[in-house]
Protein backbone atom coordinates (compact mmCIF):
# COMPACT_ATOMS: atom_id res chain seq x y z
CA MET A 1 92.71 -42.73 54.49
CA ILE A 2 95.98 -44.02 55.92
CA ASP A 3 98.44 -46.57 54.72
CA ALA A 4 99.27 -48.42 57.97
CA GLU A 5 101.93 -50.50 56.23
CA GLU A 6 103.90 -47.41 54.98
CA GLY A 7 103.09 -44.96 57.77
CA SER A 8 101.46 -42.39 55.50
CA LEU A 9 98.46 -40.25 55.50
CA PHE A 10 97.06 -40.92 52.06
CA ALA A 11 93.98 -38.70 51.89
CA ALA A 12 91.76 -36.50 54.02
CA PHE A 13 88.87 -34.69 52.31
CA VAL A 14 85.94 -32.64 53.59
CA LEU A 15 83.00 -31.68 51.40
CA PRO A 16 83.04 -27.91 50.67
CA GLY A 17 79.75 -27.38 52.52
CA PHE A 18 81.27 -28.76 55.71
CA GLU A 19 84.54 -26.86 55.66
CA GLY A 20 85.50 -24.62 58.54
CA ARG A 21 83.86 -26.79 61.21
CA GLY A 22 86.99 -28.60 62.44
CA ILE A 23 86.09 -31.89 60.62
CA GLY A 24 89.30 -31.91 58.63
CA ARG A 25 91.43 -31.30 61.79
CA ALA A 26 89.54 -34.11 63.60
CA LEU A 27 90.05 -36.57 60.73
CA ILE A 28 93.71 -35.74 60.53
CA ALA A 29 94.11 -36.12 64.29
CA ARG A 30 92.52 -39.56 64.21
CA ALA A 31 94.69 -40.57 61.22
CA GLU A 32 97.80 -39.33 63.03
CA ALA A 33 96.91 -41.22 66.22
CA ALA A 34 96.40 -44.48 64.31
CA LEU A 35 99.71 -44.09 62.50
CA PHE A 36 101.66 -43.03 65.63
CA GLU A 37 100.63 -46.32 67.23
CA ARG A 38 103.07 -48.00 64.81
CA PHE A 39 105.52 -45.34 63.70
CA ASP A 40 107.67 -42.59 65.29
CA ALA A 41 107.56 -40.53 62.12
CA ILE A 42 104.71 -40.38 59.58
CA TRP A 43 104.52 -38.79 56.12
CA LEU A 44 102.34 -37.56 53.32
CA GLU A 45 102.72 -35.99 49.88
CA THR A 46 100.75 -32.97 48.63
CA ASP A 47 100.94 -30.06 46.25
CA PRO A 48 103.13 -27.40 47.94
CA ASP A 49 100.83 -24.58 46.95
CA SER A 50 97.58 -26.28 48.10
CA ARG A 51 95.30 -25.29 50.93
CA ALA A 52 96.00 -28.80 52.30
CA ALA A 53 99.74 -28.10 52.51
CA ARG A 54 98.97 -24.92 54.53
CA LEU A 55 96.72 -26.85 56.88
CA TYR A 56 99.23 -29.61 57.43
CA HIS A 57 101.89 -27.04 58.17
CA ARG A 58 99.57 -25.42 60.79
CA LEU A 59 99.10 -28.86 62.30
CA GLY A 60 102.87 -29.39 62.76
CA TRP A 61 103.81 -31.20 59.54
CA ARG A 62 107.13 -30.14 58.03
CA ALA A 63 108.30 -30.33 54.40
CA VAL A 64 111.27 -32.67 54.17
CA GLU A 65 111.79 -33.08 50.44
CA THR A 66 110.35 -32.67 47.01
CA ALA A 67 108.66 -35.66 45.36
CA GLY A 68 108.20 -34.70 41.70
CA SER A 69 105.80 -31.74 41.67
CA ASP A 70 104.64 -32.51 45.26
CA ILE A 71 106.35 -32.12 48.58
CA ARG A 72 106.80 -34.80 51.15
CA MET A 73 105.83 -33.70 54.60
CA GLN A 74 106.67 -35.47 57.86
CA LYS A 75 105.51 -35.33 61.40
CA ARG A 76 107.15 -36.88 64.35
CA ARG A 77 105.36 -38.52 67.29
CA PRO A 78 105.01 -35.97 70.08
CA ALA A 79 107.12 -36.76 73.13
CA SER A 80 105.05 -38.21 75.96
């Protein structure tokens, strides 16, 4: 799920039985592509100790600030 008004990736979930097949990466790539059509930088918030945070980091997202108990991560549109 994305918020196209705010430029954020709101949620990306894969059922446990389907993990490890690249589905999450594909979902995130599609969400990023949709958001980068409108924004130069996109963001999300997640638990800093979660598996999701580790995945986002591997996909090029960077922590930019703390938002309560979560971290805000940001990714910039790749140069073309």
